[in-house]
Each structure stands twice: as structure tokens, then as C-alpha cells.
C-alpha atoms as a PDB file:
ATOM      1  CA  UNK A   1     170.573  84.453 128.153  1.00  0.00           C
ATOM      2  CA  UNK A   2     173.337  83.001 130.332  1.00  0.00           C
ATOM      3  CA  UNK A   3     175.685  85.824 129.248  1.00  0.00           C
ATOM      4  CA  UNK A   4     173.125  88.429 130.262  1.00  0.00           C
ATOM      5  CA  UNK A   5     172.633  86.766 133.656  1.00  0.00           C
ATOM      6  CA  UNK A   6     176.404  86.703 134.253  1.00  0.00           C
ATOM      7  CA  UNK A   7     176.605  90.367 133.239  1.00  0.00           C
ATOM      8  CA  UNK A   8     173.858  91.300 135.695  1.00  0.00           C
ATOM      9  CA  UNK A   9     175.613  89.366 138.469  1.00  0.00           C
ATOM     10  CA  UNK A  10     178.885  91.174 137.708  1.00  0.00           C
ATOM     11  CA  UNK A  11     177.193  94.568 137.997  1.00  0.00           C
ATOM     12  CA  UNK A  12     175.364  93.797 141.240  1.00  0.00           C
ATOM     13  CA  UNK A  13     176.379  97.180 142.663  1.00  0.00           C
ATOM     14  CA  UNK A  14     174.873  99.168 139.791  1.00  0.00           C
ATOM     15  CA  UNK A  15     171.623 101.074 140.347  1.00  0.00           C
ATOM     16  CA  UNK A  16     169.967  99.139 137.509  1.00  0.00           C
ATOM     17  CA  UNK A  17     170.897  95.690 138.813  1.00  0.00           C
ATOM     18  CA  UNK A  18     167.513  94.816 140.327  1.00  0.00           C
ATOM     19  CA  UNK A  19     165.568  96.225 137.395  1.00  0.00           C
ATOM     20  CA  UNK A  20     167.662  94.345 134.853  1.00  0.00           C
ATOM     21  CA  UNK A  21     167.473  91.140 136.871  1.00  0.00           C
ATOM     22  CA  UNK A  22     163.675  91.474 137.092  1.00  0.00           C
ATOM     23  CA  UNK A  23     163.467  92.128 133.333  1.00  0.00           C
ATOM     24  CA  UNK A  24     165.495  89.009 132.614  1.00  0.00           C
ATOM     25  CA  UNK A  25     163.265  86.963 134.905  1.00  0.00           C
ATOM     26  CA  UNK A  26     160.190  88.231 132.990  1.00  0.00           C
ATOM     27  CA  UNK A  27     161.883  87.456 129.661  1.00  0.00           C
ATOM     28  CA  UNK A  28     162.621  83.916 130.812  1.00  0.00           C
ATOM     29  CA  UNK A  29     159.017  83.486 131.952  1.00  0.00           C
ATOM     30  CA  UNK A  30     157.768  84.834 128.612  1.00  0.00           C
ATOM     31  CA  UNK A  31     160.073  82.415 126.787  1.00  0.00           C
ATOM     32  CA  UNK A  32     158.662  79.505 128.796  1.00  0.00           C
ATOM     33  CA  UNK A  33     155.123  80.622 127.954  1.00  0.00           C
ATOM     34  CA  UNK A  34     156.071  81.071 124.297  1.00  0.00           C
ATOM     35  CA  UNK A  35     157.457  77.554 124.260  1.00  0.00           C
ATOM     36  CA  UNK A  36     154.109  76.210 125.473  1.00  0.00           C
ATOM     37  CA  UNK A  37     152.194  78.306 122.933  1.00  0.00           C
ATOM     38  CA  UNK A  38     154.626  77.107 120.259  1.00  0.00           C
ATOM     39  CA  UNK A  39     153.963  73.487 121.157  1.00  0.00           C
ATOM     40  CA  UNK A  40     150.192  74.080 120.994  1.00  0.00           C
ATOM     41  CA  UNK A  41     150.537  75.862 117.646  1.00  0.00           C
ATOM     42  CA  UNK A  42     152.709  73.084 116.239  1.00  0.00           C
ATOM     43  CA  UNK A  43     150.180  70.484 117.403  1.00  0.00           C
ATOM     44  CA  UNK A  44     147.540  72.332 115.349  1.00  0.00           C
ATOM     45  CA  UNK A  45     149.739  72.524 112.247  1.00  0.00           C
ATOM     46  CA  UNK A  46     150.888  76.121 112.701  1.00  0.00           C
ATOM     47  CA  UNK A  47     154.443  77.427 112.596  1.00  0.00           C
ATOM     48  CA  UNK A  48     155.153  79.437 115.751  1.00  0.00           C
ATOM     49  CA  UNK A  49     157.073  82.718 115.665  1.00  0.00           C
ATOM     50  CA  UNK A  50     157.885  84.931 118.638  1.00  0.00           C
ATOM     51  CA  UNK A  51     159.794  87.967 117.323  1.00  0.00           C
ATOM     52  CA  UNK A  52     159.675  89.791 120.667  1.00  0.00           C
ATOM     53  CA  UNK A  53     161.986  87.119 122.051  1.00  0.00           C
ATOM     54  CA  UNK A  54     164.579  87.456 119.276  1.00  0.00           C
ATOM     55  CA  UNK A  55     168.008  88.151 120.712  1.00  0.00           C
ATOM     56  CA  UNK A  56     168.342  91.552 118.973  1.00  0.00           C
ATOM     57  CA  UNK A  57     164.961  92.692 120.321  1.00  0.00           C
ATOM     58  CA  UNK A  58     165.766  91.552 123.872  1.00  0.00           C
ATOM     59  CA  UNK A  59     169.176  93.236 123.753  1.00  0.00           C
ATOM     60  CA  UNK A  60     167.673  96.491 122.459  1.00  0.00           C
ATOM     61  CA  UNK A  61     165.099  96.488 125.252  1.00  0.00           C
ATOM     62  CA  UNK A  62     167.690  95.717 127.914  1.00  0.00           C
ATOM     63  CA  UNK A  63     169.872  98.549 126.586  1.00  0.00           C
ATOM     64  CA  UNK A  64     167.147 101.082 127.456  1.00  0.00           C
ATOM     65  CA  UNK A  65     167.081 102.810 130.789  1.00  0.00           C
ATOM     66  CA  UNK A  66     164.415 101.310 133.076  1.00  0.00           C
ATOM     67  CA  UNK A  67     162.321 104.498 133.162  1.00  0.00           C
ATOM     68  CA  UNK A  68     162.100 104.399 129.337  1.00  0.00           C
ATOM     69  CA  UNK A  69     160.667 100.887 129.335  1.00  0.00           C
ATOM     70  CA  UNK A  70     157.674 101.552 131.575  1.00  0.00           C
ATOM     71  CA  UNK A  71     154.929 104.122 131.753  1.00  0.00           C
ATOM     72  CA  UNK A  72     151.951 103.997 134.101  1.00  0.00           C
ATOM     73  CA  UNK A  73     149.714 105.596 131.451  1.00  0.00           C
ATOM     74  CA  UNK A  74     150.670 103.553 128.378  1.00  0.00           C
ATOM     75  CA  UNK A  75     151.366  99.808 128.229  1.00  0.00           C
ATOM     76  CA  UNK A  76     154.623  98.771 126.580  1.00  0.00           C
ATOM     77  CA  UNK A  77     156.113 102.162 125.611  1.00  0.00           C
ATOM     78  CA  UNK A  78     159.105 100.597 123.816  1.00  0.00           C
ATOM     79  CA  UNK A  79     156.800  98.539 121.622  1.00  0.00           C
ATOM     80  CA  UNK A  80     154.642 101.618 121.063  1.00  0.00           C
ATOM     81  CA  UNK A  81     157.669 103.626 119.904  1.00  0.00           C
ATOM     82  CA  UNK A  82     158.961 100.811 117.688  1.00  0.00           C
ATOM     83  CA  UNK A  83     155.623 100.209 115.943  1.00  0.00           C
ATOM     84  CA  UNK A  84     154.370 103.807 115.705  1.00  0.00           C
ATOM     85  CA  UNK A  85     155.868 104.387 112.224  1.00  0.00           C
ATOM     86  CA  UNK A  86     154.266 101.162 110.959  1.00  0.00           C
ATOM     87  CA  UNK A  87     150.726 101.550 112.278  1.00  0.00           C
ATOM     88  CA  UNK A  88     147.785 103.885 112.016  1.00  0.00           C
ATOM     89  CA  UNK A  89     147.755 106.564 114.748  1.00  0.00           C
ATOM     90  CA  UNK A  90     144.440 105.416 116.243  1.00  0.00           C
ATOM     91  CA  UNK A  91     145.787 101.945 116.905  1.00  0.00           C
ATOM     92  CA  UNK A  92     148.508 103.271 119.178  1.00  0.00           C
ATOM     93  CA  UNK A  93     146.188 105.082 121.617  1.00  0.00           C
ATOM     94  CA  UNK A  94     145.103 102.057 123.657  1.00  0.00           C
ATOM     95  CA  UNK A  95     145.758 102.488 127.376  1.00  0.00           C
ATOM     96  CA  UNK A  96     144.909  99.043 128.727  1.00  0.00           C
ATOM     97  CA  UNK A  97     145.367  95.366 127.982  1.00  0.00           C
ATOM     98  CA  UNK A  98     142.777  92.832 126.910  1.00  0.00           C
ATOM     99  CA  UNK A  99     141.458  90.202 129.274  1.00  0.00           C
ATOM    100  CA  UNK A 100     139.885  86.814 128.666  1.00  0.00           C
ATOM    101  CA  UNK A 101     136.674  87.145 130.600  1.00  0.00           C
ATOM    102  CA  UNK A 102     133.162  85.875 130.082  1.00  0.00           C
ATOM    103  CA  UNK A 103     132.687  88.850 127.737  1.00  0.00           C
ATOM    104  CA  UNK A 104     135.114  87.287 125.261  1.00  0.00           C
ATOM    105  CA  UNK A 105     133.123  84.066 125.111  1.00  0.00           C
ATOM    106  CA  UNK A 106     129.769  85.870 124.991  1.00  0.00           C
ATOM    107  CA  UNK A 107     131.020  88.116 122.201  1.00  0.00           C
ATOM    108  CA  UNK A 108     132.423  85.107 120.348  1.00  0.00           C
ATOM    109  CA  UNK A 109     129.068  83.330 120.459  1.00  0.00           C
ATOM    110  CA  UNK A 110     127.184  86.441 119.400  1.00  0.00           C
ATOM    111  CA  UNK A 111     129.543  87.371 116.533  1.00  0.00           C
ATOM    112  CA  UNK A 112     130.960  84.008 115.427  1.00  0.00           C
ATOM    113  CA  UNK A 113     129.279  84.204 112.013  1.00  0.00           C
ATOM    114  CA  UNK A 114     130.638  87.709 111.394  1.00  0.00           C
ATOM    115  CA  UNK A 115     134.139  86.706 112.504  1.00  0.00           C
ATOM    116  CA  UNK A 116     134.237  83.607 110.341  1.00  0.00           C
ATOM    117  CA  UNK A 117     132.928  85.646 107.364  1.00  0.00           C
ATOM    118  CA  UNK A 118     135.922  87.968 107.814  1.00  0.00           C
ATOM    119  CA  UNK A 119     138.154  84.965 107.176  1.00  0.00           C
ATOM    120  CA  UNK A 120     136.855  84.195 103.678  1.00  0.00           C
ATOM    121  CA  UNK A 121     140.023  85.688 102.140  1.00  0.00           C
ATOM    122  CA  UNK A 122     142.546  86.295 104.939  1.00  0.00           C
ATOM    123  CA  UNK A 123     145.472  88.605 104.212  1.00  0.00           C
ATOM    124  CA  UNK A 124     147.636  86.394 106.436  1.00  0.00           C
ATOM    125  CA  UNK A 125     147.058  83.557 103.956  1.00  0.00           C
ATOM    126  CA  UNK A 126     147.948  85.829 101.025  1.00  0.00           C
ATOM    127  CA  UNK A 127     151.220  86.558 102.823  1.00  0.00           C
ATOM    128  CA  UNK A 128     151.842  82.825 103.287  1.00  0.00           C
ATOM    129  CA  UNK A 129     151.683  83.047 107.079  1.00  0.00           C
ATOM    130  CA  UNK A 130     148.674  80.834 107.778  1.00  0.00           C
ATOM    131  CA  UNK A 131     146.638  78.046 106.298  1.00  0.00           C
ATOM    132  CA  UNK A 132     143.226  79.687 105.725  1.00  0.00           C
ATOM    133  CA  UNK A 133     141.326  76.411 106.121  1.00  0.00           C
ATOM    134  CA  UNK A 134     142.901  75.743 109.500  1.00  0.00           C
ATOM    135  CA  UNK A 135     142.146  79.275 110.666  1.00  0.00           C
ATOM    136  CA  UNK A 136     138.492  79.000 109.578  1.00  0.00           C
ATOM    137  CA  UNK A 137     138.210  75.618 111.331  1.00  0.00           C
ATOM    138  CA  UNK A 138     139.753  77.071 114.499  1.00  0.00           C
ATOM    139  CA  UNK A 139     137.305  79.994 114.337  1.00  0.00           C
ATOM    140  CA  UNK A 140     134.302  77.685 113.912  1.00  0.00           C
ATOM    141  CA  UNK A 141     135.329  75.294 116.705  1.00  0.00           C
ATOM    142  CA  UNK A 142     137.027  77.748 119.080  1.00  0.00           C
ATOM    143  CA  UNK A 143     134.565  77.523 121.957  1.00  0.00           C
ATOM    144  CA  UNK A 144     134.595  73.722 122.052  1.00  0.00           C
ATOM    145  CA  UNK A 145     138.263  73.160 121.177  1.00  0.00           C
ATOM    146  CA  UNK A 146     139.875  74.130 124.472  1.00  0.00           C
ATOM    147  CA  UNK A 147     142.457  76.264 122.636  1.00  0.00           C
ATOM    148  CA  UNK A 148     143.885  79.103 124.723  1.00  0.00           C
ATOM    149  CA  UNK A 149     142.025  82.256 123.596  1.00  0.00           C
ATOM    150  CA  UNK A 150     145.246  84.077 122.660  1.00  0.00           C
ATOM    151  CA  UNK A 151     146.059  81.487 119.989  1.00  0.00           C
ATOM    152  CA  UNK A 152     143.047  82.638 118.015  1.00  0.00           C
ATOM    153  CA  UNK A 153     142.321  86.167 119.221  1.00  0.00           C
ATOM    154  CA  UNK A 154     145.872  87.368 118.531  1.00  0.00           C
ATOM    155  CA  UNK A 155     145.733  85.926 115.009  1.00  0.00           C
ATOM    156  CA  UNK A 156     142.320  87.500 114.395  1.00  0.00           C
ATOM    157  CA  UNK A 157     143.512  90.845 115.736  1.00  0.00           C
ATOM    158  CA  UNK A 158     146.444  90.762 113.329  1.00  0.00           C
ATOM    159  CA  UNK A 159     144.177  89.754 110.438  1.00  0.00           C
ATOM    160  CA  UNK A 160     141.712  92.555 111.183  1.00  0.00           C
ATOM    161  CA  UNK A 161     144.550  95.061 111.406  1.00  0.00           C
ATOM    162  CA  UNK A 162     145.979  93.867 108.079  1.00  0.00           C
ATOM    163  CA  UNK A 163     142.562  94.079 106.426  1.00  0.00           C
ATOM    164  CA  UNK A 164     142.284  97.699 107.576  1.00  0.00           C
ATOM    165  CA  UNK A 165     145.646  98.689 106.049  1.00  0.00           C
ATOM    166  CA  UNK A 166     146.096 100.281 102.640  1.00  0.00           C
ATOM    167  CA  UNK A 167     147.245  97.714 100.039  1.00  0.00           C
ATOM    168  CA  UNK A 168     150.871  98.940 100.161  1.00  0.00           C
ATOM    169  CA  UNK A 169     151.185  97.710 103.770  1.00  0.00           C
ATOM    170  CA  UNK A 170     149.806  94.252 103.150  1.00  0.00           C
ATOM    171  CA  UNK A 171     151.635  93.379  99.960  1.00  0.00           C
ATOM    172  CA  UNK A 172     148.428  93.638  97.930  1.00  0.00           C
ATOM    173  CA  UNK A 173     147.289  96.287  95.517  1.00  0.00           C
ATOM    174  CA  UNK A 174     147.770  96.983  91.832  1.00  0.00           C
ATOM    175  CA  UNK A 175     151.549  96.613  91.728  1.00  0.00           C
ATOM    176  CA  UNK A 176     151.828  93.569  93.942  1.00  0.00           C
END
């Protein structure tokens, strides 16, 4: 990160200086947030991973021209382009971001049983990425636990996506 900051300072006259500097500031802020999420995950027995902050990913994103990295009609166009070959077409049509409003908590209360039933045999556990018992406990106690919603909703979103994939994508199937 320090090398990138020095590089930005050295190119202060370039037309992309402010954009690159702003991107680096957002990356640093995301890394600070990821650190906090990582500490919370570790405290609950999970192993944190933040692949979007890997050096190679950050460097690839910074290598793009600023107008390629933003689009007023589609959130995160670089991520969209990178994941398009790996996902179903319908998944990549979202045009907004989720929010943690009262609707999330109301929906959680209304559908808690259904959501916990989905976790009877999680694909993430089959892949060795989670402890299924801890995930089921987190799902049952979510509203009272004080956990940040993203710690559970992001995991559930990934699980639901994996469950919707053909067996070849999840490592399951006849030849697995």
C-alpha cells in the first residue's frame, strides 16, 4: 500500500491522480472495515477471508482506467465483468445494493424457520469453508446476538447461490 501511495504522489500532475488517490483511500477504509469484520469472525470461531483486498486484485483494479471502474447504472462493473463467466446470467442483472433496514429484521423473523432449514446440509460445509453447527447457531440466534447483519447475510447469500448451482460448480455431483 505504501508503494502505491508513493506512486500516486509522484504522479500528482497526472489526470488520474485524484481518482487513484480516492480509490486508495477507499481501499484503506475497506481494509480497516475488513479487519474489524475479521476480528468479529475470529471471535465466533470463523476464519476470515477477504479476497477483494488481495494485492493482485487491488493492483488489477487500480490498473483500470477510472471510467471503466464505475458505472451509474450498474454497481461494481469490474466485479461484474470478473464474475460473469462464473455465475448464472440472472444473478448479474442487479442494479442496486442491499441495505440493512427494518425489512431485513422483519423478513428474518418471518422466515427464520425456512432459512435455518436451508442450512441442514450447507454446501459451504461440504467445501470445508464453514462449521455447519456454528452457522446454524448463528442463524437461530441472529436477532439477539448483536452480530453485524453482513456477517450472516453474506454467508447465507453465498450458500443460497451455491445451492442453486449445478453440481459441477459446487464440487458435488456424481464424479466428485
